[in-house]
Amino acid sequence: EDDGLGGTLPFEVQNLTELRYLIVEEGTTSGTIPSEYGTFRTLHILDLNFNTLTGTIPVEIYDLQLLFQLDLNDNFLTGTIATEIGTIQFLQFIQVEVNRLSGTIPEEMGNNRFLRVVEFFGNQLTGDMPQGLCDLRNNTGGSIFRLTADCDAGDAFFCELFCPRLLH
């Protein structure tokens, strides 16, 4: 954290075939997330928060079946959250807040049965919070204890746990 690393994310890191943790946070790393990062078959944590990353979240990232934590918050990522996110079997923690993501939150996220922390606020997401995701909250028998998004709730910056309607 805050180690002064900068530059871009090298795609050659994909050659580290047994990599379990890729943490490059709180730096000045820029550019895009290489699609090659979707080839890490043993990756548990992808933490690239608080950088200046741009572009979309590569759909290949959702092929990381052993991924527990996807932490991409506080960057300049654009595009949508792909429906393939629902295929990450063991995903427990996703933070994509404070980016420039648009579109809706995929219904398929209701397939991520182990989710505990889910944060979407600070984006341009629209539509309703998927019912399948709401059903995973811990007050309804699921495991999510933190679910945040920009909500149509008056002056609130973000809503926690219950968000029937997203802002915009």
Protein backbone atom coordinates (compact mmCIF):
# COMPACT_ATOMS: atom_id res chain seq x y z
CA GLU A 1 0.00 0.00 0.00
CA ASP A 2 1.12 3.50 -0.85
CA ASP A 3 4.50 2.17 -1.92
CA GLY A 4 5.07 4.68 -4.71
CA LEU A 5 4.51 2.16 -7.49
CA GLY A 6 3.41 3.69 -10.76
CA GLY A 7 3.28 2.94 -14.44
CA THR A 8 0.96 0.39 -15.99
CA LEU A 9 0.00 -3.15 -15.05
CA PRO A 10 2.26 -5.55 -16.97
CA PHE A 11 0.48 -8.35 -18.80
CA GLU A 12 3.61 -10.51 -18.29
CA VAL A 13 2.50 -11.10 -14.69
CA GLN A 14 0.28 -13.80 -16.22
CA ASN A 15 3.42 -15.97 -16.33
CA LEU A 16 3.25 -16.29 -12.55
CA THR A 17 0.94 -19.28 -12.87
CA GLU A 18 0.58 -19.95 -9.13
CA LEU A 19 -0.09 -16.32 -8.14
CA ARG A 20 -2.66 -16.11 -5.34
CA TYR A 21 -2.63 -12.42 -4.37
CA LEU A 22 -2.20 -9.47 -6.71
CA ILE A 23 -2.33 -6.32 -4.62
CA VAL A 24 -1.29 -3.03 -6.20
CA GLU A 25 -3.20 -0.41 -4.28
CA GLU A 26 -2.92 3.23 -3.31
CA GLY A 27 -0.41 4.16 -5.99
CA THR A 28 -0.29 5.91 -9.31
CA THR A 29 -0.76 2.83 -11.46
CA SER A 30 -2.57 3.80 -14.66
CA GLY A 31 -3.74 2.28 -17.91
CA THR A 32 -6.10 -0.65 -18.22
CA ILE A 33 -6.46 -3.98 -16.46
CA PRO A 34 -4.91 -6.56 -18.79
CA SER A 35 -7.37 -9.22 -19.95
CA GLU A 36 -4.54 -11.72 -19.39
CA TYR A 37 -5.19 -11.39 -15.64
CA GLY A 38 -8.18 -13.65 -16.23
CA THR A 39 -5.77 -16.59 -16.65
CA PHE A 40 -4.69 -16.75 -12.98
CA ARG A 41 -6.28 -20.07 -12.04
CA THR A 42 -5.24 -19.82 -8.36
CA LEU A 43 -5.81 -16.09 -7.75
CA HIS A 44 -7.72 -15.38 -4.52
CA ILE A 45 -7.37 -11.58 -4.28
CA LEU A 46 -7.24 -8.97 -7.04
CA ASP A 47 -6.84 -5.62 -5.27
CA LEU A 48 -6.12 -2.64 -7.50
CA ASN A 49 -7.95 0.08 -5.59
CA PHE A 50 -6.98 3.75 -5.25
CA ASN A 51 -5.07 4.05 -8.51
CA THR A 52 -5.84 5.80 -11.80
CA LEU A 53 -6.90 2.77 -13.84
CA THR A 54 -9.13 3.38 -16.87
CA GLY A 55 -11.04 1.29 -19.36
CA THR A 56 -13.46 -1.51 -18.63
CA ILE A 57 -13.29 -4.46 -16.27
CA PRO A 58 -12.13 -7.25 -18.61
CA VAL A 59 -14.76 -9.97 -18.87
CA GLU A 60 -11.91 -12.50 -18.51
CA ILE A 61 -11.59 -11.47 -14.84
CA TYR A 62 -14.88 -13.27 -14.22
CA ASP A 63 -13.18 -16.55 -15.22
CA LEU A 64 -11.21 -16.52 -11.94
CA GLN A 65 -13.12 -19.29 -10.20
CA LEU A 66 -11.07 -19.18 -6.97
CA LEU A 67 -11.35 -15.40 -6.58
CA PHE A 68 -12.54 -14.36 -3.12
CA GLN A 69 -11.91 -10.62 -3.35
CA LEU A 70 -12.31 -8.23 -6.29
CA ASP A 71 -11.30 -4.77 -5.11
CA LEU A 72 -11.25 -2.16 -7.89
CA ASN A 73 -12.66 0.88 -6.10
CA ASP A 74 -11.49 4.47 -6.50
CA ASN A 75 -10.25 4.33 -10.06
CA PHE A 76 -11.67 5.65 -13.34
CA LEU A 77 -13.12 2.40 -14.69
CA THR A 78 -15.95 2.67 -17.22
CA GLY A 79 -18.39 0.36 -18.91
CA THR A 80 -20.74 -2.09 -17.27
CA ILE A 81 -20.52 -4.92 -14.77
CA ALA A 82 -20.78 -7.99 -17.00
CA THR A 83 -23.33 -10.71 -16.27
CA GLU A 84 -20.45 -13.21 -16.10
CA ILE A 85 -19.71 -11.89 -12.59
CA GLY A 86 -22.35 -14.35 -11.42
CA THR A 87 -20.07 -17.25 -12.36
CA ILE A 88 -17.35 -16.50 -9.78
CA GLN A 89 -18.22 -19.33 -7.45
CA PHE A 90 -16.42 -18.25 -4.25
CA LEU A 91 -16.59 -14.45 -4.52
CA GLN A 92 -17.05 -12.94 -1.06
CA PHE A 93 -15.96 -9.33 -1.42
CA ILE A 94 -16.49 -6.93 -4.31
CA GLN A 95 -15.77 -3.23 -4.17
CA VAL A 96 -16.19 -1.26 -7.39
CA GLU A 97 -17.35 1.98 -5.80
CA VAL A 98 -16.13 5.40 -6.92
CA ASN A 99 -15.54 4.64 -10.56
CA ARG A 100 -17.48 5.58 -13.69
CA LEU A 101 -19.38 2.35 -14.18
CA SER A 102 -22.79 2.54 -15.86
CA GLY A 103 -25.69 0.29 -16.70
CA THR A 104 -27.41 -1.95 -14.19
CA ILE A 105 -26.26 -4.34 -11.51
CA PRO A 106 -26.55 -7.80 -13.09
CA GLU A 107 -29.29 -10.13 -11.84
CA GLU A 108 -26.67 -12.90 -12.05
CA MET A 109 -24.97 -11.53 -8.92
CA GLY A 110 -27.66 -13.43 -7.02
CA ASN A 111 -25.68 -16.57 -7.97
CA ASN A 112 -22.71 -15.42 -5.84
CA ARG A 113 -23.89 -17.22 -2.71
CA PHE A 114 -20.82 -16.43 -0.57
CA LEU A 115 -20.90 -12.63 -0.91
CA ARG A 116 -20.31 -10.70 2.31
CA VAL A 117 -19.33 -7.18 1.17
CA VAL A 118 -20.76 -5.59 -1.99
CA GLU A 119 -20.14 -1.89 -2.71
CA PHE A 120 -21.35 -0.05 -5.82
CA PHE A 121 -21.78 3.60 -4.74
CA GLY A 122 -20.12 6.49 -6.57
CA ASN A 123 -20.89 5.22 -10.08
CA GLN A 124 -23.56 5.97 -12.67
CA LEU A 125 -25.49 2.75 -12.16
CA THR A 126 -29.23 2.75 -12.81
CA GLY A 127 -32.25 0.54 -12.27
CA ASP A 128 -33.28 -1.59 -9.34
CA MET A 129 -31.07 -3.59 -6.99
CA PRO A 130 -31.51 -7.20 -8.21
CA GLN A 131 -33.83 -9.16 -5.94
CA GLY A 132 -31.43 -12.12 -5.93
CA LEU A 133 -28.73 -9.91 -4.47
CA CYS A 134 -31.11 -8.44 -1.89
CA ASP A 135 -32.05 -11.98 -0.88
CA LEU A 136 -28.40 -12.64 0.03
CA ARG A 137 -28.40 -9.99 2.79
CA ASN A 138 -27.73 -11.36 6.26
CA ASN A 139 -31.03 -10.01 7.60
CA THR A 140 -32.82 -12.28 5.11
CA GLY A 141 -30.80 -15.43 5.81
CA GLY A 142 -27.86 -14.69 3.49
CA SER A 143 -24.28 -13.70 4.22
CA ILE A 144 -24.05 -10.10 2.89
CA PHE A 145 -23.57 -7.71 5.79
CA ARG A 146 -22.58 -4.68 3.70
CA LEU A 147 -24.45 -3.82 0.50
CA THR A 148 -24.11 -0.21 -0.67
CA ALA A 149 -25.16 1.74 -3.72
CA ASP A 150 -26.21 5.25 -4.69
CA CYS A 151 -29.88 5.27 -3.85
CA ASP A 152 -32.87 7.40 -4.53
CA ALA A 153 -33.19 8.12 -0.81
CA GLY A 154 -33.29 11.88 -0.49
CA ASP A 155 -30.01 13.43 0.55
CA ALA A 156 -28.25 10.13 1.32
CA PHE A 157 -24.91 9.67 -0.45
CA PHE A 158 -25.31 5.92 -0.36
CA CYS A 159 -27.64 3.42 1.25
CA GLU A 160 -26.60 0.43 3.23
CA LEU A 161 -28.27 -2.99 3.10
CA PHE A 162 -31.54 -1.92 1.49
CA CYS A 163 -31.70 -0.07 -1.78
CA PRO A 164 -34.85 -0.68 -3.77
CA ARG A 165 -34.07 1.93 -6.43
CA LEU A 166 -30.69 3.18 -7.60
CA LEU A 167 -30.10 6.84 -8.33
CA HIS A 168 -30.45 8.24 -11.89
